[in-house]
PDB file of N, CA and C in Angstrom:
ATOM      1  N   MET A   1       0.813  -1.146  -0.058  1.00  0.00           N
ATOM      2  CA  MET A   1      -0.025  -0.052  -0.025  1.00  0.00           C
ATOM      3  C   MET A   1       0.882   1.170   0.033  1.00  0.00           C
ATOM      4  N   ASP A   2       0.518   2.302  -0.798  1.00  0.00           N
ATOM      5  CA  ASP A   2       1.281   3.416  -0.900  1.00  0.00           C
ATOM      6  C   ASP A   2       0.917   4.422   0.260  1.00  0.00           C
ATOM      7  N   ASN A   3       1.885   4.576   1.300  1.00  0.00           N
ATOM      8  CA  ASN A   3       1.480   5.415   2.356  1.00  0.00           C
ATOM      9  C   ASN A   3       1.593   6.900   2.017  1.00  0.00           C
ATOM     10  N   ASP A   4       2.249   7.196   0.912  1.00  0.00           N
ATOM     11  CA  ASP A   4       2.334   8.644   0.454  1.00  0.00           C
ATOM     12  C   ASP A   4       0.955   9.265   0.225  1.00  0.00           C
ATOM     13  N   ASN A   5       0.039   8.623  -0.064  1.00  0.00           N
ATOM     14  CA  ASN A   5      -1.267   9.093  -0.587  1.00  0.00           C
ATOM     15  C   ASN A   5      -2.306   8.976   0.428  1.00  0.00           C
ATOM     16  N   LEU A   6      -2.056   8.668   1.727  1.00  0.00           N
ATOM     17  CA  LEU A   6      -2.991   8.541   2.646  1.00  0.00           C
ATOM     18  C   LEU A   6      -3.471   9.982   3.209  1.00  0.00           C
ATOM     19  N   SER A   7      -4.721  10.103   3.452  1.00  0.00           N
ATOM     20  CA  SER A   7      -5.229  11.319   4.059  1.00  0.00           C
ATOM     21  C   SER A   7      -4.757  11.282   5.523  1.00  0.00           C
ATOM     22  N   PHE A   8      -4.820  12.389   6.305  1.00  0.00           N
ATOM     23  CA  PHE A   8      -4.469  12.355   7.698  1.00  0.00           C
ATOM     24  C   PHE A   8      -5.376  11.448   8.408  1.00  0.00           C
ATOM     25  N   ASP A   9      -6.796  11.418   8.102  1.00  0.00           N
ATOM     26  CA  ASP A   9      -7.687  10.524   8.808  1.00  0.00           C
ATOM     27  C   ASP A   9      -7.363   9.111   8.576  1.00  0.00           C
ATOM     28  N   GLU A  10      -6.977   8.682   7.381  1.00  0.00           N
ATOM     29  CA  GLU A  10      -6.673   7.433   7.012  1.00  0.00           C
ATOM     30  C   GLU A  10      -5.360   6.961   7.772  1.00  0.00           C
ATOM     31  N   PHE A  11      -4.437   7.916   7.818  1.00  0.00           N
ATOM     32  CA  PHE A  11      -3.208   7.677   8.510  1.00  0.00           C
ATOM     33  C   PHE A  11      -3.475   7.347  10.089  1.00  0.00           C
ATOM     34  N   ARG A  12      -4.184   8.278  10.582  1.00  0.00           N
ATOM     35  CA  ARG A  12      -4.640   8.161  11.989  1.00  0.00           C
ATOM     36  C   ARG A  12      -5.355   6.687  12.237  1.00  0.00           C
ATOM     37  N   ALA A  13      -6.267   6.457  11.517  1.00  0.00           N
ATOM     38  CA  ALA A  13      -7.039   5.138  11.409  1.00  0.00           C
ATOM     39  C   ALA A  13      -5.941   3.940  11.418  1.00  0.00           C
ATOM     40  N   ARG A  14      -5.069   3.994  10.507  1.00  0.00           N
ATOM     41  CA  ARG A  14      -4.112   2.907  10.416  1.00  0.00           C
ATOM     42  C   ARG A  14      -3.144   2.777  11.583  1.00  0.00           C
ATOM     43  N   LEU A  15      -2.724   3.959  12.064  1.00  0.00           N
ATOM     44  CA  LEU A  15      -2.034   3.884  13.337  1.00  0.00           C
ATOM     45  C   LEU A  15      -2.820   3.226  14.485  1.00  0.00           C
ATOM     46  N   LYS A  16      -4.047   3.665  14.620  1.00  0.00           N
ATOM     47  CA  LYS A  16      -4.829   3.086  15.670  1.00  0.00           C
ATOM     48  C   LYS A  16      -4.979   1.619  15.527  1.00  0.00           C
ATOM     49  N   ALA A  17      -5.124   1.150  14.275  1.00  0.00           N
ATOM     50  CA  ALA A  17      -5.123  -0.300  13.971  1.00  0.00           C
ATOM     51  C   ALA A  17      -3.834  -1.052  13.860  1.00  0.00           C
ATOM     52  N   ARG A  18      -2.837  -0.303  14.322  1.00  0.00           N
ATOM     53  CA  ARG A  18      -1.430  -0.738  14.372  1.00  0.00           C
ATOM     54  C   ARG A  18      -0.984  -1.335  12.906  1.00  0.00           C
ATOM     55  N   SER A  19      -1.255  -0.501  11.977  1.00  0.00           N
ATOM     56  CA  SER A  19      -1.015  -0.869  10.640  1.00  0.00           C
ATOM     57  C   SER A  19       0.530  -0.942  10.287  1.00  0.00           C
ATOM     58  N   GLU A  20       0.894  -1.325   9.162  1.00  0.00           N
ATOM     59  CA  GLU A  20       2.166  -1.512   8.791  1.00  0.00           C
ATOM     60  C   GLU A  20       2.781  -0.363   8.067  1.00  0.00           C
ATOM     61  N   ILE A  21       2.801   0.888   8.635  1.00  0.00           N
ATOM     62  CA  ILE A  21       3.388   1.906   8.069  1.00  0.00           C
ATOM     63  C   ILE A  21       4.923   1.955   8.475  1.00  0.00           C
ATOM     64  N   ARG A  22       5.648   1.333   7.725  1.00  0.00           N
ATOM     65  CA  ARG A  22       7.213   1.159   7.971  1.00  0.00           C
ATOM     66  C   ARG A  22       8.077   1.369   6.911  1.00  0.00           C
ATOM     67  N   THR A  23       9.311   1.522   7.161  1.00  0.00           N
ATOM     68  CA  THR A  23      10.138   1.624   6.185  1.00  0.00           C
ATOM     69  C   THR A  23      10.553   0.211   5.601  1.00  0.00           C
ATOM     70  N   PRO A  24      11.235   0.109   4.413  1.00  0.00           N
ATOM     71  CA  PRO A  24      11.650  -1.261   4.043  1.00  0.00           C
ATOM     72  C   PRO A  24      12.418  -1.990   4.951  1.00  0.00           C
ATOM     73  N   SER A  25      13.115  -1.470   5.795  1.00  0.00           N
ATOM     74  CA  SER A  25      13.917  -2.097   6.888  1.00  0.00           C
ATOM     75  C   SER A  25      13.049  -2.588   8.130  1.00  0.00           C
ATOM     76  N   GLY A  26      11.860  -2.018   8.160  1.00  0.00           N
ATOM     77  CA  GLY A  26      11.003  -2.312   9.338  1.00  0.00           C
ATOM     78  C   GLY A  26      11.010  -1.162  10.344  1.00  0.00           C
ATOM     79  N   ALA A  27      11.971  -0.175  10.255  1.00  0.00           N
ATOM     80  CA  ALA A  27      12.091   0.907  11.128  1.00  0.00           C
ATOM     81  C   ALA A  27      10.780   1.865  11.149  1.00  0.00           C
ATOM     82  N   CYS A  28      10.607   2.461  12.256  1.00  0.00           N
ATOM     83  CA  CYS A  28       9.549   3.452  12.300  1.00  0.00           C
ATOM     84  C   CYS A  28      10.003   4.681  11.447  1.00  0.00           C
ATOM     85  N   PRO A  29       9.090   4.949  10.461  1.00  0.00           N
ATOM     86  CA  PRO A  29       9.478   6.085   9.517  1.00  0.00           C
ATOM     87  C   PRO A  29       9.562   7.462  10.249  1.00  0.00           C
ATOM     88  N   VAL A  30       8.962   7.704  11.247  1.00  0.00           N
ATOM     89  CA  VAL A  30       9.027   9.015  12.042  1.00  0.00           C
ATOM     90  C   VAL A  30      10.432   9.073  12.650  1.00  0.00           C
ATOM     91  N   GLY A  31      10.892   8.027  13.089  1.00  0.00           N
ATOM     92  CA  GLY A  31      12.372   8.035  13.778  1.00  0.00           C
ATOM     93  C   GLY A  31      13.320   8.165  12.745  1.00  0.00           C
ATOM     94  N   VAL A  32      13.131   7.547  11.538  1.00  0.00           N
ATOM     95  CA  VAL A  32      14.149   7.760  10.403  1.00  0.00           C
ATOM     96  C   VAL A  32      14.074   9.299   9.939  1.00  0.00           C
ATOM     97  N   ALA A  33      12.953   9.703   9.759  1.00  0.00           N
ATOM     98  CA  ALA A  33      12.794  11.300   9.414  1.00  0.00           C
ATOM     99  C   ALA A  33      13.378  12.138  10.467  1.00  0.00           C
ATOM    100  N   LEU A  34      13.164  11.941  11.827  1.00  0.00           N
ATOM    101  CA  LEU A  34      13.646  12.736  12.793  1.00  0.00           C
ATOM    102  C   LEU A  34      15.225  12.703  13.051  1.00  0.00           C
ATOM    103  N   LYS A  35      15.869  11.523  12.603  1.00  0.00           N
ATOM    104  CA  LYS A  35      17.281  11.363  12.644  1.00  0.00           C
ATOM    105  C   LYS A  35      17.868  12.550  11.774  1.00  0.00           C
ATOM    106  N   VAL A  36      17.282  12.864  10.614  1.00  0.00           N
ATOM    107  CA  VAL A  36      17.928  14.013   9.892  1.00  0.00           C
ATOM    108  C   VAL A  36      17.955  15.206  10.616  1.00  0.00           C
ATOM    109  N   PHE A  37      17.099  15.509  11.561  1.00  0.00           N
ATOM    110  CA  PHE A  37      17.055  16.818  12.231  1.00  0.00           C
ATOM    111  C   PHE A  37      17.884  16.752  13.520  1.00  0.00           C
ATOM    112  N   ARG A  38      18.285  15.522  13.919  1.00  0.00           N
ATOM    113  CA  ARG A  38      18.901  15.281  15.330  1.00  0.00           C
ATOM    114  C   ARG A  38      20.330  16.013  15.194  1.00  0.00           C
ATOM    115  N   GLY A  39      20.616  16.804  15.981  1.00  0.00           N
ATOM    116  CA  GLY A  39      21.908  17.391  16.034  1.00  0.00           C
ATOM    117  C   GLY A  39      21.745  18.824  16.255  1.00  0.00           C
ATOM    118  N   ARG A  40      22.728  19.489  16.942  1.00  0.00           N
ATOM    119  CA  ARG A  40      22.504  20.908  17.441  1.00  0.00           C
ATOM    120  C   ARG A  40      22.330  21.924  16.261  1.00  0.00           C
ATOM    121  N   TRP A  41      22.999  21.573  15.059  1.00  0.00           N
ATOM    122  CA  TRP A  41      23.003  22.566  13.829  1.00  0.00           C
ATOM    123  C   TRP A  41      22.188  22.100  12.745  1.00  0.00           C
ATOM    124  N   LYS A  42      21.789  20.851  12.678  1.00  0.00           N
ATOM    125  CA  LYS A  42      21.341  20.255  11.421  1.00  0.00           C
ATOM    126  C   LYS A  42      20.118  21.037  10.950  1.00  0.00           C
ATOM    127  N   ALA A  43      19.103  21.256  11.737  1.00  0.00           N
ATOM    128  CA  ALA A  43      17.788  21.936  11.484  1.00  0.00           C
ATOM    129  C   ALA A  43      18.082  23.336  10.921  1.00  0.00           C
ATOM    130  N   ASP A  44      19.064  24.017  11.618  1.00  0.00           N
ATOM    131  CA  ASP A  44      19.384  25.435  11.260  1.00  0.00           C
ATOM    132  C   ASP A  44      20.112  25.508   9.821  1.00  0.00           C
ATOM    133  N   VAL A  45      20.906  24.534   9.597  1.00  0.00           N
ATOM    134  CA  VAL A  45      21.608  24.553   8.191  1.00  0.00           C
ATOM    135  C   VAL A  45      20.590  24.036   7.290  1.00  0.00           C
ATOM    136  N   LEU A  46      19.794  23.145   7.506  1.00  0.00           N
ATOM    137  CA  LEU A  46      18.767  22.722   6.498  1.00  0.00           C
ATOM    138  C   LEU A  46      17.913  23.895   6.208  1.00  0.00           C
ATOM    139  N   TYR A  47      17.453  24.607   7.242  1.00  0.00           N
ATOM    140  CA  TYR A  47      16.506  25.827   7.122  1.00  0.00           C
ATOM    141  C   TYR A  47      17.224  26.782   6.177  1.00  0.00           C
ATOM    142  N   ARG A  48      18.543  26.954   6.305  1.00  0.00           N
ATOM    143  CA  ARG A  48      19.163  28.052   5.327  1.00  0.00           C
ATOM    144  C   ARG A  48      19.167  27.395   3.957  1.00  0.00           C
ATOM    145  N   LEU A  49      19.474  26.019   3.761  1.00  0.00           N
ATOM    146  CA  LEU A  49      19.453  25.448   2.423  1.00  0.00           C
ATOM    147  C   LEU A  49      18.108  25.464   1.698  1.00  0.00           C
ATOM    148  N   CYS A  50      17.089  25.401   2.542  1.00  0.00           N
ATOM    149  CA  CYS A  50      15.804  25.633   1.934  1.00  0.00           C
ATOM    150  C   CYS A  50      15.576  26.741   1.023  1.00  0.00           C
ATOM    151  N   ALA A  51      16.234  27.839   1.385  1.00  0.00           N
ATOM    152  CA  ALA A  51      16.143  28.913   0.496  1.00  0.00           C
ATOM    153  C   ALA A  51      16.925  28.855  -0.811  1.00  0.00           C
ATOM    154  N   GLY A  52      17.882  27.832  -0.878  1.00  0.00           N
ATOM    155  CA  GLY A  52      18.588  27.767  -2.190  1.00  0.00           C
ATOM    156  C   GLY A  52      20.142  27.438  -1.781  1.00  0.00           C
ATOM    157  N   PRO A  53      20.893  27.063  -2.738  1.00  0.00           N
ATOM    158  CA  PRO A  53      22.249  26.690  -2.364  1.00  0.00           C
ATOM    159  C   PRO A  53      23.032  27.813  -1.739  1.00  0.00           C
ATOM    160  N   SER A  54      23.949  27.426  -1.080  1.00  0.00           N
ATOM    161  CA  SER A  54      24.709  28.399  -0.214  1.00  0.00           C
ATOM    162  C   SER A  54      26.165  27.807  -0.210  1.00  0.00           C
ATOM    163  N   GLY A  55      27.117  28.806  -0.063  1.00  0.00           N
ATOM    164  CA  GLY A  55      28.478  28.406   0.181  1.00  0.00           C
ATOM    165  C   GLY A  55      28.731  28.278   1.592  1.00  0.00           C
ATOM    166  N   PHE A  56      29.990  27.602   1.926  1.00  0.00           N
ATOM    167  CA  PHE A  56      30.263  27.376   3.359  1.00  0.00           C
ATOM    168  C   PHE A  56      30.367  28.600   4.170  1.00  0.00           C
ATOM    169  N   GLY A  57      31.015  29.608   3.477  1.00  0.00           N
ATOM    170  CA  GLY A  57      31.283  30.806   4.134  1.00  0.00           C
ATOM    171  C   GLY A  57      29.860  31.706   4.453  1.00  0.00           C
ATOM    172  N   ALA A  58      28.988  31.586   3.509  1.00  0.00           N
ATOM    173  CA  ALA A  58      27.741  32.259   3.738  1.00  0.00           C
ATOM    174  C   ALA A  58      27.005  31.652   4.893  1.00  0.00           C
ATOM    175  N   LEU A  59      27.057  30.289   4.907  1.00  0.00           N
ATOM    176  CA  LEU A  59      26.347  29.554   6.036  1.00  0.00           C
ATOM    177  C   LEU A  59      26.988  29.823   7.283  1.00  0.00           C
ATOM    178  N   LEU A  60      28.233  29.949   7.375  1.00  0.00           N
ATOM    179  CA  LEU A  60      29.077  30.228   8.592  1.00  0.00           C
ATOM    180  C   LEU A  60      28.745  31.675   9.108  1.00  0.00           C
ATOM    181  N   ARG A  61      28.758  32.726   8.144  1.00  0.00           N
ATOM    182  CA  ARG A  61      28.424  33.967   8.525  1.00  0.00           C
ATOM    183  C   ARG A  61      27.023  34.107   9.084  1.00  0.00           C
ATOM    184  N   ALA A  62      26.022  33.411   8.461  1.00  0.00           N
ATOM    185  CA  ALA A  62      24.650  33.428   8.918  1.00  0.00           C
ATOM    186  C   ALA A  62      24.442  32.861  10.307  1.00  0.00           C
ATOM    187  N   LEU A  63      25.211  31.666  10.660  1.00  0.00           N
ATOM    188  CA  LEU A  63      24.992  31.089  11.805  1.00  0.00           C
ATOM    189  C   LEU A  63      26.025  31.196  12.975  1.00  0.00           C
ATOM    190  N   ALA A  64      27.220  31.874  12.511  1.00  0.00           N
ATOM    191  CA  ALA A  64      28.112  32.072  13.625  1.00  0.00           C
ATOM    192  C   ALA A  64      27.672  32.997  14.715  1.00  0.00           C
ATOM    193  N   PRO A  65      26.887  33.979  14.551  1.00  0.00           N
ATOM    194  CA  PRO A  65      26.440  34.803  15.731  1.00  0.00           C
ATOM    195  C   PRO A  65      25.617  33.932  16.678  1.00  0.00           C
ATOM    196  N   GLU A  66      25.167  32.812  16.283  1.00  0.00           N
ATOM    197  CA  GLU A  66      24.336  31.986  17.138  1.00  0.00           C
ATOM    198  C   GLU A  66      25.289  30.966  17.756  1.00  0.00           C
ATOM    199  N   GLY A  67      26.530  31.047  17.384  1.00  0.00           N
ATOM    200  CA  GLY A  67      27.439  29.997  18.104  1.00  0.00           C
ATOM    201  C   GLY A  67      28.057  28.924  17.267  1.00  0.00           C
ATOM    202  N   LEU A  68      27.702  28.848  16.075  1.00  0.00           N
ATOM    203  CA  LEU A  68      28.245  27.708  15.189  1.00  0.00           C
ATOM    204  C   LEU A  68      29.718  28.025  14.782  1.00  0.00           C
ATOM    205  N   THR A  69      30.533  27.221  14.974  1.00  0.00           N
ATOM    206  CA  THR A  69      31.909  27.244  14.562  1.00  0.00           C
ATOM    207  C   THR A  69      32.140  26.608  13.168  1.00  0.00           C
ATOM    208  N   ARG A  70      33.460  26.960  12.635  1.00  0.00           N
ATOM    209  CA  ARG A  70      33.820  26.343  11.509  1.00  0.00           C
ATOM    210  C   ARG A  70      33.822  24.753  11.437  1.00  0.00           C
ATOM    211  N   THR A  71      34.392  24.294  12.466  1.00  0.00           N
ATOM    212  CA  THR A  71      34.455  22.827  12.646  1.00  0.00           C
ATOM    213  C   THR A  71      33.094  22.312  12.789  1.00  0.00           C
ATOM    214  N   MET A  72      32.205  22.817  13.600  1.00  0.00           N
ATOM    215  CA  MET A  72      30.905  22.271  13.667  1.00  0.00           C
ATOM    216  C   MET A  72      30.089  22.270  12.339  1.00  0.00           C
ATOM    217  N   LEU A  73      30.264  23.345  11.592  1.00  0.00           N
ATOM    218  CA  LEU A  73      29.569  23.552  10.299  1.00  0.00           C
ATOM    219  C   LEU A  73      30.107  22.376   9.409  1.00  0.00           C
ATOM    220  N   ALA A  74      31.288  22.203   9.261  1.00  0.00           N
ATOM    221  CA  ALA A  74      31.935  21.155   8.458  1.00  0.00           C
ATOM    222  C   ALA A  74      31.342  19.768   8.847  1.00  0.00           C
ATOM    223  N   SER A  75      31.422  19.475  10.128  1.00  0.00           N
ATOM    224  CA  SER A  75      30.782  18.347  10.672  1.00  0.00           C
ATOM    225  C   SER A  75      29.314  18.078  10.358  1.00  0.00           C
ATOM    226  N   THR A  76      28.634  19.124  10.463  1.00  0.00           N
ATOM    227  CA  THR A  76      27.213  19.031  10.151  1.00  0.00           C
ATOM    228  C   THR A  76      26.751  18.942   8.782  1.00  0.00           C
ATOM    229  N   LEU A  77      27.538  19.486   7.823  1.00  0.00           N
ATOM    230  CA  LEU A  77      27.393  19.302   6.433  1.00  0.00           C
ATOM    231  C   LEU A  77      27.768  17.925   6.057  1.00  0.00           C
ATOM    232  N   ARG A  78      28.845  17.302   6.750  1.00  0.00           N
ATOM    233  CA  ARG A  78      29.148  15.955   6.363  1.00  0.00           C
ATOM    234  C   ARG A  78      28.004  15.033   6.745  1.00  0.00           C
ATOM    235  N   GLU A  79      27.425  15.235   7.905  1.00  0.00           N
ATOM    236  CA  GLU A  79      26.409  14.439   8.405  1.00  0.00           C
ATOM    237  C   GLU A  79      25.144  14.537   7.467  1.00  0.00           C
ATOM    238  N   LEU A  80      24.718  15.814   7.063  1.00  0.00           N
ATOM    239  CA  LEU A  80      23.769  16.008   6.201  1.00  0.00           C
ATOM    240  C   LEU A  80      23.957  15.361   4.838  1.00  0.00           C
ATOM    241  N   GLU A  81      25.124  15.273   4.423  1.00  0.00           N
ATOM    242  CA  GLU A  81      25.550  14.544   3.100  1.00  0.00           C
ATOM    243  C   GLU A  81      25.340  13.085   3.373  1.00  0.00           C
ATOM    244  N   LYS A  82      25.779  12.645   4.408  1.00  0.00           N
ATOM    245  CA  LYS A  82      25.612  11.137   4.763  1.00  0.00           C
ATOM    246  C   LYS A  82      24.118  10.817   4.965  1.00  0.00           C
ATOM    247  N   ASP A  83      23.325  11.645   5.428  1.00  0.00           N
ATOM    248  CA  ASP A  83      21.862  11.398   5.495  1.00  0.00           C
ATOM    249  C   ASP A  83      21.328  11.446   4.174  1.00  0.00           C
ATOM    250  N   GLY A  84      21.952  12.029   3.155  1.00  0.00           N
ATOM    251  CA  GLY A  84      21.445  12.052   1.814  1.00  0.00           C
ATOM    252  C   GLY A  84      20.428  13.205   1.449  1.00  0.00           C
ATOM    253  N   VAL A  85      20.519  14.316   2.387  1.00  0.00           N
ATOM    254  CA  VAL A  85      19.532  15.378   2.164  1.00  0.00           C
ATOM    255  C   VAL A  85      20.161  16.678   1.662  1.00  0.00           C
ATOM    256  N   ALA A  86      21.649  16.667   1.740  1.00  0.00           N
ATOM    257  CA  ALA A  86      22.434  17.782   1.232  1.00  0.00           C
ATOM    258  C   ALA A  86      23.636  17.411   0.412  1.00  0.00           C
ATOM    259  N   ALA A  87      24.125  18.036  -0.496  1.00  0.00           N
ATOM    260  CA  ALA A  87      25.312  17.605  -1.277  1.00  0.00           C
ATOM    261  C   ALA A  87      26.147  18.904  -1.692  1.00  0.00           C
ATOM    262  N   PRO A  88      27.367  18.754  -1.808  1.00  0.00           N
ATOM    263  CA  PRO A  88      28.170  19.820  -2.310  1.00  0.00           C
ATOM    264  C   PRO A  88      28.192  19.768  -3.920  1.00  0.00           C
ATOM    265  N   SER A  89      28.372  20.931  -4.422  1.00  0.00           N
ATOM    266  CA  SER A  89      28.633  20.987  -5.847  1.00  0.00           C
ATOM    267  C   SER A  89      29.742  21.993  -6.114  1.00  0.00           C
ATOM    268  N   GLU A  90      30.642  21.587  -7.016  1.00  0.00           N
ATOM    269  CA  GLU A  90      31.777  22.687  -7.297  1.00  0.00           C
ATOM    270  C   GLU A  90      31.389  23.387  -8.525  1.00  0.00           C
ATOM    271  N   ARG A  91      31.920  24.560  -8.492  1.00  0.00           N
ATOM    272  CA  ARG A  91      31.872  25.431  -9.734  1.00  0.00           C
ATOM    273  C   ARG A  91      33.129  26.389  -9.545  1.00  0.00           C
ATOM    274  N   TYR A  92      33.440  26.861 -10.687  1.00  0.00           N
ATOM    275  CA  TYR A  92      34.669  27.784 -10.751  1.00  0.00           C
ATOM    276  C   TYR A  92      34.269  29.219 -11.150  1.00  0.00           C
ATOM    277  N   GLN A  93      34.874  30.095 -10.421  1.00  0.00           N
ATOM    278  CA  GLN A  93      34.746  31.483 -10.696  1.00  0.00           C
ATOM    279  C   GLN A  93      36.183  31.931 -11.239  1.00  0.00           C
ATOM    280  N   GLY A  94      36.432  31.793 -12.487  1.00  0.00           N
ATOM    281  CA  GLY A  94      37.791  32.076 -13.011  1.00  0.00           C
ATOM    282  C   GLY A  94      38.529  30.734 -12.627  1.00  0.00           C
ATOM    283  N   ARG A  95      39.669  31.050 -11.866  1.00  0.00           N
ATOM    284  CA  ARG A  95      40.521  29.984 -11.366  1.00  0.00           C
ATOM    285  C   ARG A  95      40.134  29.619  -9.985  1.00  0.00           C
ATOM    286  N   VAL A  96      39.158  30.275  -9.364  1.00  0.00           N
ATOM    287  CA  VAL A  96      38.844  30.022  -7.939  1.00  0.00           C
ATOM    288  C   VAL A  96      37.674  28.907  -7.853  1.00  0.00           C
ATOM    289  N   ARG A  97      38.042  27.997  -7.079  1.00  0.00           N
ATOM    290  CA  ARG A  97      36.960  26.828  -7.023  1.00  0.00           C
ATOM    291  C   ARG A  97      36.003  27.204  -6.017  1.00  0.00           C
ATOM    292  N   ARG A  98      34.667  27.078  -6.122  1.00  0.00           N
ATOM    293  CA  ARG A  98      33.617  27.502  -5.091  1.00  0.00           C
ATOM    294  C   ARG A  98      32.878  26.137  -4.892  1.00  0.00           C
ATOM    295  N   VAL A  99      32.611  25.836  -3.632  1.00  0.00           N
ATOM    296  CA  VAL A  99      31.813  24.761  -3.299  1.00  0.00           C
ATOM    297  C   VAL A  99      30.467  25.272  -2.790  1.00  0.00           C
ATOM    298  N   ASP A 100      29.352  24.963  -3.329  1.00  0.00           N
ATOM    299  CA  ASP A 100      28.051  25.427  -2.822  1.00  0.00           C
ATOM    300  C   ASP A 100      27.357  24.079  -2.306  1.00  0.00           C
ATOM    301  N   TRP A 101      26.703  24.329  -1.239  1.00  0.00           N
ATOM    302  CA  TRP A 101      25.817  23.166  -0.645  1.00  0.00           C
ATOM    303  C   TRP A 101      24.308  23.485  -1.078  1.00  0.00           C
ATOM    304  N   ALA A 102      23.639  22.413  -1.380  1.00  0.00           N
ATOM    305  CA  ALA A 102      22.232  22.453  -1.671  1.00  0.00           C
ATOM    306  C   ALA A 102      21.525  21.229  -1.209  1.00  0.00           C
ATOM    307  N   LEU A 103      20.259  21.390  -1.237  1.00  0.00           N
ATOM    308  CA  LEU A 103      19.373  20.157  -0.878  1.00  0.00           C
ATOM    309  C   LEU A 103      19.396  19.155  -2.062  1.00  0.00           C
ATOM    310  N   THR A 104      19.510  17.930  -1.828  1.00  0.00           N
ATOM    311  CA  THR A 104      19.249  16.933  -2.732  1.00  0.00           C
ATOM    312  C   THR A 104      17.658  16.687  -2.982  1.00  0.00           C
ATOM    313  N   PRO A 105      17.343  15.857  -3.971  1.00  0.00           N
ATOM    314  CA  PRO A 105      15.990  15.607  -4.156  1.00  0.00           C
ATOM    315  C   PRO A 105      15.268  15.228  -2.892  1.00  0.00           C
ATOM    316  N   ALA A 106      16.015  14.251  -2.035  1.00  0.00           N
ATOM    317  CA  ALA A 106      15.612  13.781  -0.763  1.00  0.00           C
ATOM    318  C   ALA A 106      15.397  14.972   0.258  1.00  0.00           C
ATOM    319  N   GLY A 107      16.258  15.792   0.102  1.00  0.00           N
ATOM    320  CA  GLY A 107      16.217  17.049   0.898  1.00  0.00           C
ATOM    321  C   GLY A 107      15.032  17.891   0.570  1.00  0.00           C
ATOM    322  N   GLU A 108      14.905  18.045  -0.634  1.00  0.00           N
ATOM    323  CA  GLU A 108      13.762  18.904  -1.254  1.00  0.00           C
ATOM    324  C   GLU A 108      12.430  18.268  -0.758  1.00  0.00           C
ATOM    325  N   ASP A 109      12.296  16.953  -0.632  1.00  0.00           N
ATOM    326  CA  ASP A 109      11.144  16.277  -0.096  1.00  0.00           C
ATOM    327  C   ASP A 109      10.807  16.723   1.278  1.00  0.00           C
ATOM    328  N   LEU A 110      11.782  17.270   2.026  1.00  0.00           N
ATOM    329  CA  LEU A 110      11.477  17.758   3.293  1.00  0.00           C
ATOM    330  C   LEU A 110      10.905  19.245   3.367  1.00  0.00           C
ATOM    331  N   LEU A 111      10.774  19.807   2.334  1.00  0.00           N
ATOM    332  CA  LEU A 111      10.350  21.228   2.234  1.00  0.00           C
ATOM    333  C   LEU A 111       8.873  21.379   2.793  1.00  0.00           C
ATOM    334  N   PRO A 112       8.027  20.438   2.454  1.00  0.00           N
ATOM    335  CA  PRO A 112       6.574  20.502   3.224  1.00  0.00           C
ATOM    336  C   PRO A 112       6.713  20.342   4.628  1.00  0.00           C
ATOM    337  N   VAL A 113       7.562  19.422   5.123  1.00  0.00           N
ATOM    338  CA  VAL A 113       7.879  19.193   6.523  1.00  0.00           C
ATOM    339  C   VAL A 113       8.353  20.399   7.257  1.00  0.00           C
ATOM    340  N   PHE A 114       9.335  21.154   6.606  1.00  0.00           N
ATOM    341  CA  PHE A 114       9.790  22.430   7.127  1.00  0.00           C
ATOM    342  C   PHE A 114       8.712  23.353   7.199  1.00  0.00           C
ATOM    343  N   HIS A 115       7.924  23.527   6.245  1.00  0.00           N
ATOM    344  CA  HIS A 115       6.767  24.426   6.080  1.00  0.00           C
ATOM    345  C   HIS A 115       5.899  24.248   7.288  1.00  0.00           C
ATOM    346  N   ALA A 116       5.442  23.006   7.584  1.00  0.00           N
ATOM    347  CA  ALA A 116       4.639  22.606   8.554  1.00  0.00           C
ATOM    348  C   ALA A 116       5.213  22.830  10.036  1.00  0.00           C
ATOM    349  N   LEU A 117       6.549  22.633  10.072  1.00  0.00           N
ATOM    350  CA  LEU A 117       7.316  22.830  11.370  1.00  0.00           C
ATOM    351  C   LEU A 117       7.451  24.352  11.566  1.00  0.00           C
ATOM    352  N   MET A 118       7.611  25.116  10.583  1.00  0.00           N
ATOM    353  CA  MET A 118       7.677  26.608  10.661  1.00  0.00           C
ATOM    354  C   MET A 118       6.283  27.228  11.149  1.00  0.00           C
ATOM    355  N   ARG A 119       5.255  26.652  10.651  1.00  0.00           N
ATOM    356  CA  ARG A 119       3.954  27.198  11.053  1.00  0.00           C
ATOM    357  C   ARG A 119       3.749  26.735  12.477  1.00  0.00           C
ATOM    358  N   TRP A 120       3.997  25.554  12.832  1.00  0.00           N
ATOM    359  CA  TRP A 120       3.818  24.971  14.197  1.00  0.00           C
ATOM    360  C   TRP A 120       4.649  25.865  15.202  1.00  0.00           C
ATOM    361  N   GLY A 121       5.935  26.022  14.845  1.00  0.00           N
ATOM    362  CA  GLY A 121       6.812  26.771  15.803  1.00  0.00           C
ATOM    363  C   GLY A 121       6.397  28.193  15.936  1.00  0.00           C
ATOM    364  N   ALA A 122       5.837  28.833  14.871  1.00  0.00           N
ATOM    365  CA  ALA A 122       5.335  30.141  15.031  1.00  0.00           C
ATOM    366  C   ALA A 122       4.248  30.312  16.002  1.00  0.00           C
ATOM    367  N   ARG A 123       3.266  29.265  15.898  1.00  0.00           N
ATOM    368  CA  ARG A 123       2.087  29.233  16.777  1.00  0.00           C
ATOM    369  C   ARG A 123       2.408  28.807  18.209  1.00  0.00           C
ATOM    370  N   HIS A 124       3.382  28.014  18.467  1.00  0.00           N
ATOM    371  CA  HIS A 124       3.557  27.416  19.701  1.00  0.00           C
ATOM    372  C   HIS A 124       4.924  27.662  20.424  1.00  0.00           C
ATOM    373  N   GLU A 125       5.496  28.794  19.999  1.00  0.00           N
ATOM    374  CA  GLU A 125       6.854  29.071  20.652  1.00  0.00           C
ATOM    375  C   GLU A 125       6.607  29.465  22.181  1.00  0.00           C
ATOM    376  N   PRO A 126       7.333  28.744  22.995  1.00  0.00           N
ATOM    377  CA  PRO A 126       7.182  29.041  24.456  1.00  0.00           C
ATOM    378  C   PRO A 126       7.323  30.480  24.758  1.00  0.00           C
ATOM    379  N   ARG A 127       6.552  30.929  25.687  1.00  0.00           N
ATOM    380  CA  ARG A 127       6.530  32.399  26.011  1.00  0.00           C
ATOM    381  C   ARG A 127       7.408  32.558  27.298  1.00  0.00           C
TER     382      ARG A 127
END
């Protein structure tokens, strides 16, 4: 059964009936998805990449005021690449090599999730 096309009510009914909404490995798909966001800086970097490709320096300048270091950004980008949601691409400006980071197709699949999380966060931020 294709779980992508379930309405929310159908989804809820299947969960209540202990349906088989699982990944091919049998893991809980929510846990698999949340793993992508787990980590101090992953959500922040992904949020920046949702706006479009960005260079390492631009990401660092945007997030350094919040405490992100060069080492942590490099580590976070490697983790996101390993998760399959972000990837580097090289281009040259004259003789200067530039590496931009962008969402992969799997990362772009997260855009509706980010939109929903942004709406939820805006409504439910602790006061």
